[in-house]
Amino acid sequence: MKLFALLSAALIGSSSAFAPAPVRTQQRSSALAPVSMAAAEEFYIDQNRRNLMNLILVGSAAVTVGGLGVPYVLFFLPPGAGGGGGGVSAKDALGNDLSEKEYLASKKPGDHSLAQGLKGDATYLIVKEDGTLESYGLNAVCTHLGCVVPWSAPNNKFMCPCHGSQYAPTGAVVRGPAPLPLALAHLDTDEAGILTFSTWSETDFRTDKKPWWM
């Protein structure tokens, strides 16, 4: 019996030697927890930052679309004809104010020369046969597609080189495709003798209608 008891004890001892060591799951899980939280924090984007990124994206798209779309739309609008209610001085090509006395001294009757008018548009000053200036200036911008219309002295009319539109000496249309007459502007002389342009807001004497540029 003693021999049997010794053999049993030896077998139990040897089997316990080969038993797997207990796994410390709590310790491992506690070690992995900070790593998982750090990874989650790294990939988390707060709502304010997301809204800011969306605003930047929308703003960039709006600037791009506006930059491309606005010139396209403006291309189909009729050209502007003049400025606001106050008068502005007529200027030469160098930006100098034009004196009526000096201007007429340098021009002959029948002259049609350009000056800088309302909104900076090229505007014709017309010298009459008696050597005085017409009481209006004619905007040189063609009402078809915006070309500057030159004066043709041999033909006694304005003739657009772009698409063939023609205007009478008063700026009235005599041949299309221009749909409207050249815009008018009042021409006056201020107290210092400087020529000034102001908006023509009354009836257009060529059409007996309200000015199209108003």
N, C-alpha and C. Protein backbone atom coordinates (compact mmCIF):
# COMPACT_ATOMS: atom_id res chain seq x y z
N MET A 1 0.83 -1.20 0.00
CA MET A 1 0.00 0.00 0.00
C MET A 1 0.86 1.25 0.00
N LYS A 2 1.99 1.19 0.75
CA LYS A 2 2.87 2.35 0.76
C LYS A 2 3.43 2.59 -0.62
N LEU A 3 3.75 1.52 -1.32
CA LEU A 3 4.30 1.66 -2.66
C LEU A 3 3.27 2.29 -3.60
N PHE A 4 2.02 1.87 -3.48
CA PHE A 4 0.94 2.41 -4.33
C PHE A 4 0.71 3.90 -4.05
N ALA A 5 0.77 4.28 -2.75
CA ALA A 5 0.58 5.68 -2.39
C ALA A 5 1.68 6.55 -2.93
N LEU A 6 2.93 6.04 -2.90
CA LEU A 6 4.07 6.81 -3.42
C LEU A 6 3.93 7.02 -4.92
N LEU A 7 3.49 5.96 -5.65
CA LEU A 7 3.34 6.09 -7.10
C LEU A 7 2.24 7.10 -7.46
N SER A 8 1.15 7.09 -6.69
CA SER A 8 0.06 8.04 -6.96
C SER A 8 0.51 9.48 -6.75
N ALA A 9 1.26 9.70 -5.67
CA ALA A 9 1.75 11.05 -5.41
C ALA A 9 2.68 11.54 -6.50
N ALA A 10 3.54 10.60 -6.99
CA ALA A 10 4.48 10.98 -8.06
C ALA A 10 3.75 11.35 -9.32
N LEU A 11 2.70 10.61 -9.69
CA LEU A 11 1.94 10.90 -10.90
C LEU A 11 1.21 12.25 -10.80
N ILE A 12 0.64 12.54 -9.63
CA ILE A 12 -0.06 13.83 -9.46
C ILE A 12 0.89 15.00 -9.56
N GLY A 13 2.11 14.80 -8.95
CA GLY A 13 3.11 15.88 -9.02
C GLY A 13 3.57 16.14 -10.43
N SER A 14 3.77 15.04 -11.21
CA SER A 14 4.24 15.24 -12.60
C SER A 14 3.17 15.88 -13.47
N SER A 15 1.91 15.52 -13.24
CA SER A 15 0.83 16.12 -14.06
C SER A 15 0.68 17.61 -13.76
N SER A 16 0.84 17.99 -12.51
CA SER A 16 0.73 19.43 -12.19
C SER A 16 1.87 20.25 -12.75
N ALA A 17 3.00 19.59 -13.00
CA ALA A 17 4.15 20.30 -13.60
C ALA A 17 3.87 20.72 -15.02
N PHE A 18 3.07 19.91 -15.73
CA PHE A 18 2.76 20.24 -17.14
C PHE A 18 1.46 21.01 -17.33
N ALA A 19 0.79 21.40 -16.29
CA ALA A 19 -0.46 22.19 -16.40
C ALA A 19 -0.16 23.61 -16.88
N PRO A 20 -0.99 24.19 -17.77
CA PRO A 20 -0.73 25.57 -18.28
C PRO A 20 -0.85 26.60 -17.19
N ALA A 21 0.00 27.59 -17.32
CA ALA A 21 -0.02 28.67 -16.32
C ALA A 21 -1.27 29.52 -16.50
N PRO A 22 -1.85 30.01 -15.44
CA PRO A 22 -3.06 30.84 -15.56
C PRO A 22 -2.76 32.15 -16.30
N VAL A 23 -3.69 32.51 -17.19
CA VAL A 23 -3.55 33.74 -17.97
C VAL A 23 -4.14 34.91 -17.20
N ARG A 24 -3.35 36.01 -17.12
CA ARG A 24 -3.80 37.20 -16.40
C ARG A 24 -4.56 38.12 -17.36
N THR A 25 -5.79 37.73 -17.63
CA THR A 25 -6.61 38.46 -18.62
C THR A 25 -6.88 39.89 -18.20
N GLN A 26 -7.04 40.10 -16.92
CA GLN A 26 -7.36 41.45 -16.46
C GLN A 26 -6.21 42.40 -16.71
N GLN A 27 -4.97 41.87 -16.46
CA GLN A 27 -3.81 42.72 -16.66
C GLN A 27 -3.62 43.06 -18.12
N ARG A 28 -3.82 42.04 -19.04
CA ARG A 28 -3.64 42.28 -20.46
C ARG A 28 -4.69 43.25 -20.99
N SER A 29 -5.94 43.02 -20.57
CA SER A 29 -6.99 43.91 -21.04
C SER A 29 -6.77 45.34 -20.56
N SER A 30 -6.26 45.48 -19.34
CA SER A 30 -6.01 46.83 -18.83
C SER A 30 -4.86 47.48 -19.56
N ALA A 31 -3.90 46.67 -20.08
CA ALA A 31 -2.79 47.24 -20.85
C ALA A 31 -3.23 47.66 -22.23
N LEU A 32 -4.20 46.92 -22.83
CA LEU A 32 -4.65 47.25 -24.17
C LEU A 32 -5.63 48.43 -24.20
N ALA A 33 -6.29 48.67 -23.07
CA ALA A 33 -7.31 49.72 -23.04
C ALA A 33 -6.77 51.09 -23.40
N PRO A 34 -5.63 51.56 -22.86
CA PRO A 34 -5.13 52.88 -23.25
C PRO A 34 -4.79 52.98 -24.72
N VAL A 35 -4.28 51.85 -25.30
CA VAL A 35 -3.92 51.87 -26.72
C VAL A 35 -5.16 52.06 -27.57
N SER A 36 -6.25 51.33 -27.23
CA SER A 36 -7.49 51.45 -27.99
C SER A 36 -8.07 52.85 -27.87
N MET A 37 -8.03 53.43 -26.68
CA MET A 37 -8.57 54.77 -26.50
C MET A 37 -7.76 55.80 -27.27
N ALA A 38 -6.43 55.61 -27.29
CA ALA A 38 -5.59 56.54 -28.03
C ALA A 38 -5.89 56.48 -29.51
N ALA A 39 -6.09 55.26 -30.04
CA ALA A 39 -6.40 55.11 -31.45
C ALA A 39 -7.74 55.76 -31.79
N ALA A 40 -8.72 55.59 -30.90
CA ALA A 40 -10.03 56.19 -31.13
C ALA A 40 -9.94 57.71 -31.14
N GLU A 41 -9.16 58.26 -30.20
CA GLU A 41 -9.01 59.71 -30.15
C GLU A 41 -8.30 60.25 -31.37
N GLU A 42 -7.37 59.44 -31.92
CA GLU A 42 -6.60 59.89 -33.09
C GLU A 42 -7.50 60.04 -34.31
N PHE A 43 -8.48 59.15 -34.48
CA PHE A 43 -9.34 59.18 -35.66
C PHE A 43 -10.63 59.96 -35.44
N TYR A 44 -10.83 60.52 -34.27
CA TYR A 44 -12.06 61.26 -33.99
C TYR A 44 -11.90 62.72 -34.41
N ILE A 45 -12.89 63.25 -35.18
CA ILE A 45 -12.90 64.65 -35.60
C ILE A 45 -14.12 65.30 -34.98
N ASP A 46 -13.92 66.35 -34.17
CA ASP A 46 -15.04 66.96 -33.50
C ASP A 46 -15.94 67.70 -34.50
N GLN A 47 -17.17 67.98 -34.11
CA GLN A 47 -18.18 68.55 -35.01
C GLN A 47 -17.81 69.94 -35.49
N ASN A 48 -17.19 70.76 -34.63
CA ASN A 48 -16.80 72.11 -35.03
C ASN A 48 -15.77 72.09 -36.15
N ARG A 49 -14.81 71.18 -36.03
CA ARG A 49 -13.79 71.08 -37.08
C ARG A 49 -14.42 70.60 -38.38
N ARG A 50 -15.35 69.69 -38.28
CA ARG A 50 -16.02 69.19 -39.48
C ARG A 50 -16.82 70.30 -40.16
N ASN A 51 -17.53 71.12 -39.37
CA ASN A 51 -18.29 72.23 -39.94
C ASN A 51 -17.38 73.23 -40.62
N LEU A 52 -16.22 73.50 -40.01
CA LEU A 52 -15.26 74.43 -40.61
C LEU A 52 -14.75 73.92 -41.95
N MET A 53 -14.45 72.62 -42.01
CA MET A 53 -13.98 72.03 -43.27
C MET A 53 -15.05 72.10 -44.34
N ASN A 54 -16.32 71.89 -43.96
CA ASN A 54 -17.41 71.98 -44.92
C ASN A 54 -17.57 73.40 -45.45
N LEU A 55 -17.44 74.40 -44.54
CA LEU A 55 -17.55 75.79 -44.97
C LEU A 55 -16.44 76.17 -45.94
N ILE A 56 -15.24 75.71 -45.66
CA ILE A 56 -14.11 76.00 -46.56
C ILE A 56 -14.35 75.38 -47.92
N LEU A 57 -14.86 74.16 -47.94
CA LEU A 57 -15.13 73.48 -49.21
C LEU A 57 -16.21 74.20 -50.01
N VAL A 58 -17.31 74.58 -49.33
CA VAL A 58 -18.39 75.28 -50.02
C VAL A 58 -17.93 76.65 -50.51
N GLY A 59 -17.15 77.37 -49.68
CA GLY A 59 -16.66 78.68 -50.08
C GLY A 59 -15.75 78.62 -51.30
N SER A 60 -14.87 77.62 -51.33
CA SER A 60 -13.98 77.46 -52.48
C SER A 60 -14.76 77.18 -53.74
N ALA A 61 -15.78 76.33 -53.63
CA ALA A 61 -16.60 76.02 -54.80
C ALA A 61 -17.36 77.25 -55.28
N ALA A 62 -17.88 78.06 -54.33
CA ALA A 62 -18.63 79.25 -54.72
C ALA A 62 -17.75 80.27 -55.44
N VAL A 63 -16.53 80.45 -54.96
CA VAL A 63 -15.60 81.39 -55.61
C VAL A 63 -15.29 80.93 -57.03
N THR A 64 -15.07 79.64 -57.19
CA THR A 64 -14.75 79.11 -58.51
C THR A 64 -15.91 79.28 -59.48
N VAL A 65 -17.11 78.90 -59.03
CA VAL A 65 -18.29 79.01 -59.89
C VAL A 65 -18.60 80.47 -60.21
N GLY A 66 -18.46 81.36 -59.20
CA GLY A 66 -18.72 82.77 -59.44
C GLY A 66 -17.73 83.38 -60.43
N GLY A 67 -16.46 83.01 -60.28
CA GLY A 67 -15.44 83.55 -61.19
C GLY A 67 -15.67 83.15 -62.63
N LEU A 68 -16.23 81.95 -62.83
CA LEU A 68 -16.51 81.50 -64.19
C LEU A 68 -17.86 81.98 -64.70
N GLY A 69 -18.84 82.08 -63.80
CA GLY A 69 -20.21 82.37 -64.23
C GLY A 69 -20.50 83.84 -64.44
N VAL A 70 -19.95 84.72 -63.59
CA VAL A 70 -20.28 86.15 -63.69
C VAL A 70 -19.86 86.76 -65.04
N PRO A 71 -18.62 86.55 -65.52
CA PRO A 71 -18.28 87.10 -66.84
C PRO A 71 -19.17 86.55 -67.95
N TYR A 72 -19.58 85.28 -67.82
CA TYR A 72 -20.44 84.68 -68.84
C TYR A 72 -21.79 85.38 -68.88
N VAL A 73 -22.36 85.68 -67.71
CA VAL A 73 -23.65 86.36 -67.65
C VAL A 73 -23.53 87.80 -68.14
N LEU A 74 -22.46 88.49 -67.72
CA LEU A 74 -22.29 89.89 -68.12
C LEU A 74 -22.12 90.05 -69.62
N PHE A 75 -21.61 88.99 -70.27
CA PHE A 75 -21.40 89.05 -71.71
C PHE A 75 -22.72 89.27 -72.45
N PHE A 76 -23.83 88.75 -71.90
CA PHE A 76 -25.12 88.85 -72.58
C PHE A 76 -25.94 90.06 -72.15
N LEU A 77 -25.42 90.86 -71.23
CA LEU A 77 -26.13 92.06 -70.81
C LEU A 77 -25.75 93.23 -71.70
N PRO A 78 -26.68 94.14 -71.98
CA PRO A 78 -26.33 95.31 -72.80
C PRO A 78 -25.33 96.18 -72.08
N PRO A 79 -24.43 96.84 -72.81
CA PRO A 79 -23.41 97.67 -72.17
C PRO A 79 -24.01 98.85 -71.45
N GLY A 80 -23.36 99.27 -70.36
CA GLY A 80 -23.81 100.43 -69.61
C GLY A 80 -23.54 101.71 -70.36
N ALA A 81 -24.29 102.73 -70.03
CA ALA A 81 -24.17 103.95 -70.79
C ALA A 81 -23.68 105.13 -70.00
N GLY A 82 -23.69 105.12 -68.70
CA GLY A 82 -23.27 106.33 -68.01
C GLY A 82 -23.36 106.21 -66.52
N GLY A 83 -23.02 107.31 -65.87
CA GLY A 83 -22.89 107.28 -64.43
C GLY A 83 -24.13 107.73 -63.71
N GLY A 84 -23.91 108.30 -62.51
CA GLY A 84 -25.03 108.65 -61.66
C GLY A 84 -25.56 110.03 -61.98
N GLY A 85 -26.17 110.67 -60.97
CA GLY A 85 -26.84 111.92 -61.23
C GLY A 85 -25.89 113.09 -61.39
N GLY A 86 -24.74 113.14 -60.69
CA GLY A 86 -23.83 114.26 -60.76
C GLY A 86 -23.01 114.26 -62.03
N GLY A 87 -22.55 115.49 -62.43
CA GLY A 87 -21.73 115.58 -63.62
C GLY A 87 -20.29 115.20 -63.33
N VAL A 88 -19.60 114.72 -64.36
CA VAL A 88 -18.17 114.39 -64.27
C VAL A 88 -17.45 115.11 -65.40
N SER A 89 -16.24 115.51 -65.15
CA SER A 89 -15.49 116.25 -66.16
C SER A 89 -15.08 115.35 -67.31
N ALA A 90 -15.15 115.88 -68.50
CA ALA A 90 -14.67 115.16 -69.68
C ALA A 90 -13.14 115.17 -69.65
N LYS A 91 -12.55 114.05 -70.00
CA LYS A 91 -11.09 113.93 -69.92
C LYS A 91 -10.52 113.44 -71.25
N ASP A 92 -9.26 113.82 -71.48
CA ASP A 92 -8.58 113.34 -72.69
C ASP A 92 -7.98 111.96 -72.42
N ALA A 93 -7.18 111.46 -73.38
CA ALA A 93 -6.61 110.12 -73.27
C ALA A 93 -5.63 110.00 -72.11
N LEU A 94 -5.07 111.11 -71.67
CA LEU A 94 -4.12 111.10 -70.55
C LEU A 94 -4.79 111.34 -69.21
N GLY A 95 -6.12 111.52 -69.22
CA GLY A 95 -6.84 111.73 -67.97
C GLY A 95 -6.91 113.17 -67.53
N ASN A 96 -6.56 114.11 -68.41
CA ASN A 96 -6.62 115.53 -68.08
C ASN A 96 -8.01 116.09 -68.39
N ASP A 97 -8.48 117.00 -67.54
CA ASP A 97 -9.77 117.65 -67.80
C ASP A 97 -9.70 118.46 -69.09
N LEU A 98 -10.82 118.46 -69.82
CA LEU A 98 -10.88 119.18 -71.09
C LEU A 98 -11.50 120.55 -70.89
N SER A 99 -10.76 121.57 -71.28
CA SER A 99 -11.27 122.94 -71.25
C SER A 99 -12.01 123.21 -72.56
N GLU A 100 -13.21 123.78 -72.48
CA GLU A 100 -13.98 124.04 -73.69
C GLU A 100 -13.22 124.97 -74.65
N LYS A 101 -12.64 126.03 -74.12
CA LYS A 101 -11.95 127.00 -74.96
C LYS A 101 -10.77 126.36 -75.69
N GLU A 102 -9.96 125.63 -74.95
CA GLU A 102 -8.79 124.99 -75.56
C GLU A 102 -9.20 123.88 -76.52
N TYR A 103 -10.24 123.18 -76.18
CA TYR A 103 -10.69 122.08 -77.04
C TYR A 103 -11.17 122.61 -78.39
N LEU A 104 -12.02 123.63 -78.36
CA LEU A 104 -12.55 124.17 -79.61
C LEU A 104 -11.47 124.84 -80.45
N ALA A 105 -10.46 125.36 -79.79
CA ALA A 105 -9.37 125.99 -80.54
C ALA A 105 -8.56 124.96 -81.33
N SER A 106 -8.61 123.71 -80.89
CA SER A 106 -7.82 122.67 -81.55
C SER A 106 -8.64 121.81 -82.51
N LYS A 107 -9.94 122.08 -82.64
CA LYS A 107 -10.81 121.25 -83.48
C LYS A 107 -11.49 122.08 -84.57
N LYS A 108 -11.81 121.41 -85.66
CA LYS A 108 -12.50 122.06 -86.77
C LYS A 108 -13.99 121.71 -86.73
N PRO A 109 -14.83 122.49 -87.39
CA PRO A 109 -16.25 122.15 -87.48
C PRO A 109 -16.44 120.76 -88.10
N GLY A 110 -17.40 120.01 -87.56
CA GLY A 110 -17.65 118.66 -88.04
C GLY A 110 -16.80 117.60 -87.37
N ASP A 111 -15.93 118.02 -86.44
CA ASP A 111 -15.05 117.05 -85.78
C ASP A 111 -15.84 116.16 -84.81
N HIS A 112 -15.49 114.89 -84.81
CA HIS A 112 -16.05 113.91 -83.86
C HIS A 112 -14.87 113.22 -83.19
N SER A 113 -14.53 113.68 -82.01
CA SER A 113 -13.39 113.09 -81.28
C SER A 113 -13.88 112.49 -79.97
N LEU A 114 -13.12 111.50 -79.50
CA LEU A 114 -13.49 110.79 -78.28
C LEU A 114 -12.91 111.43 -77.03
N ALA A 115 -13.70 111.40 -75.99
CA ALA A 115 -13.26 111.82 -74.66
C ALA A 115 -13.69 110.75 -73.67
N GLN A 116 -13.14 110.82 -72.48
CA GLN A 116 -13.56 109.89 -71.42
C GLN A 116 -14.79 110.46 -70.74
N GLY A 117 -15.88 109.69 -70.80
CA GLY A 117 -17.14 110.19 -70.29
C GLY A 117 -17.60 109.50 -69.02
N LEU A 118 -18.92 109.37 -68.87
CA LEU A 118 -19.51 108.74 -67.70
C LEU A 118 -19.06 107.29 -67.58
N LYS A 119 -18.72 106.90 -66.36
CA LYS A 119 -18.21 105.56 -66.07
C LYS A 119 -16.95 105.22 -66.85
N GLY A 120 -16.30 106.26 -67.37
CA GLY A 120 -15.07 106.03 -68.12
C GLY A 120 -15.30 105.58 -69.55
N ASP A 121 -16.57 105.55 -70.00
CA ASP A 121 -16.86 105.11 -71.37
C ASP A 121 -16.37 106.14 -72.39
N ALA A 122 -15.90 105.63 -73.53
CA ALA A 122 -15.51 106.51 -74.64
C ALA A 122 -16.76 107.23 -75.14
N THR A 123 -16.69 108.56 -75.22
CA THR A 123 -17.85 109.38 -75.58
C THR A 123 -17.43 110.43 -76.60
N TYR A 124 -18.24 110.55 -77.65
CA TYR A 124 -17.93 111.51 -78.71
C TYR A 124 -18.34 112.93 -78.33
N LEU A 125 -17.41 113.87 -78.56
CA LEU A 125 -17.70 115.30 -78.52
C LEU A 125 -17.86 115.74 -79.97
N ILE A 126 -18.97 116.41 -80.27
CA ILE A 126 -19.29 116.76 -81.66
C ILE A 126 -19.24 118.28 -81.83
N VAL A 127 -18.37 118.71 -82.74
CA VAL A 127 -18.26 120.14 -83.04
C VAL A 127 -19.18 120.46 -84.22
N LYS A 128 -20.10 121.38 -83.99
CA LYS A 128 -21.07 121.74 -85.04
C LYS A 128 -20.41 122.65 -86.10
N GLU A 129 -21.16 122.89 -87.17
CA GLU A 129 -20.63 123.70 -88.27
C GLU A 129 -20.35 125.14 -87.86
N ASP A 130 -21.03 125.61 -86.83
CA ASP A 130 -20.78 126.98 -86.37
C ASP A 130 -19.61 127.06 -85.40
N GLY A 131 -18.94 125.94 -85.16
CA GLY A 131 -17.77 125.95 -84.31
C GLY A 131 -18.06 125.73 -82.83
N THR A 132 -19.30 125.50 -82.48
CA THR A 132 -19.66 125.23 -81.07
C THR A 132 -19.90 123.73 -80.89
N LEU A 133 -20.00 123.33 -79.64
CA LEU A 133 -20.21 121.92 -79.34
C LEU A 133 -21.69 121.60 -79.25
N GLU A 134 -22.04 120.39 -79.66
CA GLU A 134 -23.39 119.88 -79.42
C GLU A 134 -23.63 119.84 -77.91
N SER A 135 -24.89 119.92 -77.53
CA SER A 135 -25.25 119.92 -76.12
C SER A 135 -25.30 118.51 -75.52
N TYR A 136 -24.88 117.54 -76.30
CA TYR A 136 -24.85 116.16 -75.82
C TYR A 136 -23.60 115.45 -76.34
N GLY A 137 -23.22 114.41 -75.64
CA GLY A 137 -22.17 113.52 -76.10
C GLY A 137 -22.78 112.18 -76.45
N LEU A 138 -22.13 111.46 -77.34
CA LEU A 138 -22.63 110.15 -77.76
C LEU A 138 -21.69 109.07 -77.25
N ASN A 139 -22.23 108.13 -76.48
CA ASN A 139 -21.45 106.99 -76.02
C ASN A 139 -21.03 106.17 -77.24
N ALA A 140 -19.75 105.87 -77.33
CA ALA A 140 -19.21 105.19 -78.50
C ALA A 140 -19.35 103.67 -78.45
N VAL A 141 -19.95 103.14 -77.39
CA VAL A 141 -20.08 101.69 -77.25
C VAL A 141 -21.27 101.19 -78.06
N CYS A 142 -21.00 100.29 -78.99
CA CYS A 142 -22.06 99.73 -79.84
C CYS A 142 -23.07 98.98 -78.99
N THR A 143 -24.35 99.16 -79.29
CA THR A 143 -25.40 98.51 -78.50
C THR A 143 -25.65 97.07 -78.92
N HIS A 144 -24.84 96.58 -79.86
CA HIS A 144 -24.97 95.17 -80.24
C HIS A 144 -24.16 94.30 -79.30
N LEU A 145 -22.84 94.36 -79.41
CA LEU A 145 -21.98 93.54 -78.55
C LEU A 145 -20.85 94.32 -77.91
N GLY A 146 -20.97 95.66 -77.89
CA GLY A 146 -20.04 96.44 -77.09
C GLY A 146 -18.76 96.89 -77.74
N CYS A 147 -18.65 96.81 -79.06
CA CYS A 147 -17.45 97.34 -79.73
C CYS A 147 -17.48 98.87 -79.70
N VAL A 148 -16.32 99.50 -79.79
CA VAL A 148 -16.25 100.96 -79.91
C VAL A 148 -16.47 101.31 -81.38
N VAL A 149 -17.46 102.17 -81.62
CA VAL A 149 -17.87 102.50 -82.99
C VAL A 149 -17.12 103.74 -83.47
N PRO A 150 -16.34 103.64 -84.55
CA PRO A 150 -15.65 104.83 -85.07
C PRO A 150 -16.57 105.70 -85.94
N TRP A 151 -16.20 106.97 -86.04
CA TRP A 151 -16.92 107.90 -86.90
C TRP A 151 -16.30 107.86 -88.29
N SER A 152 -17.14 107.72 -89.30
CA SER A 152 -16.67 107.72 -90.68
C SER A 152 -17.08 109.05 -91.32
N ALA A 153 -16.13 109.97 -91.45
CA ALA A 153 -16.44 111.29 -92.02
C ALA A 153 -16.90 111.20 -93.47
N PRO A 154 -16.26 110.38 -94.34
CA PRO A 154 -16.72 110.29 -95.73
C PRO A 154 -18.17 109.81 -95.85
N ASN A 155 -18.59 108.94 -94.94
CA ASN A 155 -19.96 108.41 -95.00
C ASN A 155 -20.93 109.18 -94.10
N ASN A 156 -20.39 110.12 -93.31
CA ASN A 156 -21.18 110.95 -92.40
C ASN A 156 -22.03 110.10 -91.45
N LYS A 157 -21.43 109.05 -90.90
CA LYS A 157 -22.15 108.22 -89.93
C LYS A 157 -21.15 107.39 -89.14
N PHE A 158 -21.64 106.83 -88.06
CA PHE A 158 -20.83 105.92 -87.25
C PHE A 158 -20.99 104.50 -87.82
N MET A 159 -19.86 103.83 -88.02
CA MET A 159 -19.89 102.50 -88.64
C MET A 159 -19.08 101.52 -87.78
N CYS A 160 -19.79 100.52 -87.24
CA CYS A 160 -19.14 99.54 -86.38
C CYS A 160 -18.40 98.51 -87.22
N PRO A 161 -17.10 98.31 -86.96
CA PRO A 161 -16.32 97.35 -87.75
C PRO A 161 -16.55 95.89 -87.33
N CYS A 162 -17.21 95.68 -86.21
CA CYS A 162 -17.34 94.30 -85.70
C CYS A 162 -18.41 93.51 -86.44
N HIS A 163 -19.64 94.07 -86.53
CA HIS A 163 -20.73 93.33 -87.16
C HIS A 163 -21.55 94.18 -88.13
N GLY A 164 -21.02 95.36 -88.49
CA GLY A 164 -21.64 96.15 -89.55
C GLY A 164 -22.75 97.09 -89.13
N SER A 165 -22.98 97.28 -87.84
CA SER A 165 -24.02 98.21 -87.42
C SER A 165 -23.63 99.64 -87.83
N GLN A 166 -24.65 100.44 -88.15
CA GLN A 166 -24.40 101.82 -88.54
C GLN A 166 -25.36 102.75 -87.80
N TYR A 167 -24.84 103.96 -87.49
CA TYR A 167 -25.61 104.94 -86.75
C TYR A 167 -25.54 106.29 -87.46
N ALA A 168 -26.64 107.04 -87.39
CA ALA A 168 -26.69 108.39 -87.94
C ALA A 168 -25.82 109.32 -87.09
N PRO A 169 -25.56 110.56 -87.56
CA PRO A 169 -24.76 111.50 -86.75
C PRO A 169 -25.32 111.74 -85.35
N THR A 170 -26.61 111.55 -85.18
CA THR A 170 -27.21 111.72 -83.86
C THR A 170 -27.08 110.46 -83.00
N GLY A 171 -26.60 109.37 -83.58
CA GLY A 171 -26.50 108.11 -82.85
C GLY A 171 -27.67 107.18 -83.06
N ALA A 172 -28.66 107.59 -83.87
CA ALA A 172 -29.80 106.73 -84.15
C ALA A 172 -29.36 105.58 -85.07
N VAL A 173 -29.97 104.41 -84.89
CA VAL A 173 -29.63 103.24 -85.69
C VAL A 173 -30.17 103.41 -87.11
N VAL A 174 -29.29 103.22 -88.09
CA VAL A 174 -29.72 103.22 -89.50
C VAL A 174 -29.52 101.84 -90.14
N ARG A 175 -28.75 100.98 -89.45
CA ARG A 175 -28.55 99.62 -89.95
C ARG A 175 -28.16 98.71 -88.78
N GLY A 176 -28.79 97.54 -88.72
CA GLY A 176 -28.51 96.57 -87.67
C GLY A 176 -27.21 95.82 -87.92
N PRO A 177 -26.91 94.90 -87.00
CA PRO A 177 -27.81 94.28 -86.01
C PRO A 177 -27.98 95.05 -84.69
N ALA A 178 -27.41 96.23 -84.55
CA ALA A 178 -27.58 96.99 -83.30
C ALA A 178 -29.06 97.23 -83.05
N PRO A 179 -29.56 96.90 -81.85
CA PRO A 179 -31.00 97.06 -81.58
C PRO A 179 -31.38 98.44 -81.05
N LEU A 180 -30.40 99.21 -80.57
CA LEU A 180 -30.71 100.47 -79.88
C LEU A 180 -29.76 101.57 -80.32
N PRO A 181 -30.18 102.82 -80.19
CA PRO A 181 -29.28 103.93 -80.55
C PRO A 181 -28.15 104.07 -79.53
N LEU A 182 -27.13 104.82 -79.92
CA LEU A 182 -26.04 105.10 -78.99
C LEU A 182 -26.56 105.93 -77.82
N ALA A 183 -26.06 105.65 -76.64
CA ALA A 183 -26.54 106.34 -75.44
C ALA A 183 -26.13 107.81 -75.45
N LEU A 184 -26.98 108.64 -74.89
CA LEU A 184 -26.74 110.07 -74.81
C LEU A 184 -26.23 110.46 -73.43
N ALA A 185 -25.50 111.56 -73.39
CA ALA A 185 -25.10 112.18 -72.12
C ALA A 185 -25.13 113.70 -72.32
N HIS A 186 -25.61 114.42 -71.33
CA HIS A 186 -25.61 115.88 -71.42
C HIS A 186 -24.17 116.39 -71.40
N LEU A 187 -23.91 117.41 -72.22
CA LEU A 187 -22.59 118.05 -72.23
C LEU A 187 -22.76 119.51 -71.81
N ASP A 188 -22.06 119.90 -70.77
CA ASP A 188 -22.13 121.27 -70.26
C ASP A 188 -20.73 121.78 -69.97
N THR A 189 -20.68 123.05 -69.58
CA THR A 189 -19.41 123.67 -69.19
C THR A 189 -19.57 124.25 -67.79
N ASP A 190 -18.64 123.90 -66.89
CA ASP A 190 -18.77 124.40 -65.52
C ASP A 190 -18.19 125.82 -65.40
N GLU A 191 -18.18 126.35 -64.21
CA GLU A 191 -17.74 127.73 -63.99
C GLU A 191 -16.27 127.95 -64.34
N ALA A 192 -15.49 126.88 -64.29
CA ALA A 192 -14.07 127.00 -64.61
C ALA A 192 -13.78 126.78 -66.10
N GLY A 193 -14.86 126.58 -66.87
CA GLY A 193 -14.68 126.37 -68.31
C GLY A 193 -14.36 124.93 -68.68
N ILE A 194 -14.53 124.01 -67.74
CA ILE A 194 -14.25 122.59 -68.00
C ILE A 194 -15.51 121.91 -68.52
N LEU A 195 -15.35 121.09 -69.55
CA LEU A 195 -16.47 120.34 -70.10
C LEU A 195 -16.88 119.23 -69.14
N THR A 196 -18.19 119.07 -68.96
CA THR A 196 -18.68 118.04 -68.04
C THR A 196 -19.80 117.23 -68.70
N PHE A 197 -19.85 115.95 -68.34
CA PHE A 197 -20.93 115.06 -68.77
C PHE A 197 -21.85 114.79 -67.58
N SER A 198 -23.14 114.65 -67.88
CA SER A 198 -24.11 114.23 -66.86
C SER A 198 -25.13 113.32 -67.52
N THR A 199 -25.81 112.55 -66.69
CA THR A 199 -26.73 111.53 -67.21
C THR A 199 -27.93 112.16 -67.93
N TRP A 200 -28.24 111.61 -69.09
CA TRP A 200 -29.43 112.01 -69.84
C TRP A 200 -30.57 111.12 -69.36
N SER A 201 -31.50 111.71 -68.62
CA SER A 201 -32.57 110.92 -68.02
C SER A 201 -33.95 111.23 -68.61
N GLU A 202 -34.06 112.27 -69.42
CA GLU A 202 -35.35 112.61 -70.02
C GLU A 202 -35.57 111.80 -71.30
N THR A 203 -36.64 112.14 -72.00
CA THR A 203 -37.00 111.41 -73.23
C THR A 203 -35.88 111.48 -74.26
N ASP A 204 -35.65 110.37 -74.91
CA ASP A 204 -34.67 110.30 -75.99
C ASP A 204 -35.29 110.96 -77.23
N PHE A 205 -34.72 112.09 -77.67
CA PHE A 205 -35.32 112.85 -78.77
C PHE A 205 -35.30 112.09 -80.09
N ARG A 206 -34.50 111.04 -80.20
CA ARG A 206 -34.41 110.28 -81.45
C ARG A 206 -35.52 109.23 -81.56
N THR A 207 -36.00 108.76 -80.42
CA THR A 207 -37.02 107.70 -80.42
C THR A 207 -38.32 108.14 -79.76
N ASP A 208 -38.29 109.30 -79.07
CA ASP A 208 -39.44 109.79 -78.30
C ASP A 208 -39.86 108.78 -77.25
N LYS A 209 -38.90 108.06 -76.72
CA LYS A 209 -39.16 107.07 -75.68
C LYS A 209 -38.22 107.30 -74.49
N LYS A 210 -38.53 106.61 -73.42
CA LYS A 210 -37.66 106.67 -72.26
C LYS A 210 -36.28 106.13 -72.61
N PRO A 211 -35.21 106.74 -72.12
CA PRO A 211 -33.87 106.26 -72.44
C PRO A 211 -33.67 104.79 -72.03
N TRP A 212 -33.16 104.00 -72.93
CA TRP A 212 -32.97 102.56 -72.63
C TRP A 212 -31.87 102.33 -71.60
N TRP A 213 -30.96 103.30 -71.44
CA TRP A 213 -29.83 103.13 -70.52
C TRP A 213 -30.17 103.49 -69.09
N MET A 214 -31.41 103.93 -68.84
CA MET A 214 -31.84 104.28 -67.49
C MET A 214 -32.47 103.08 -66.79
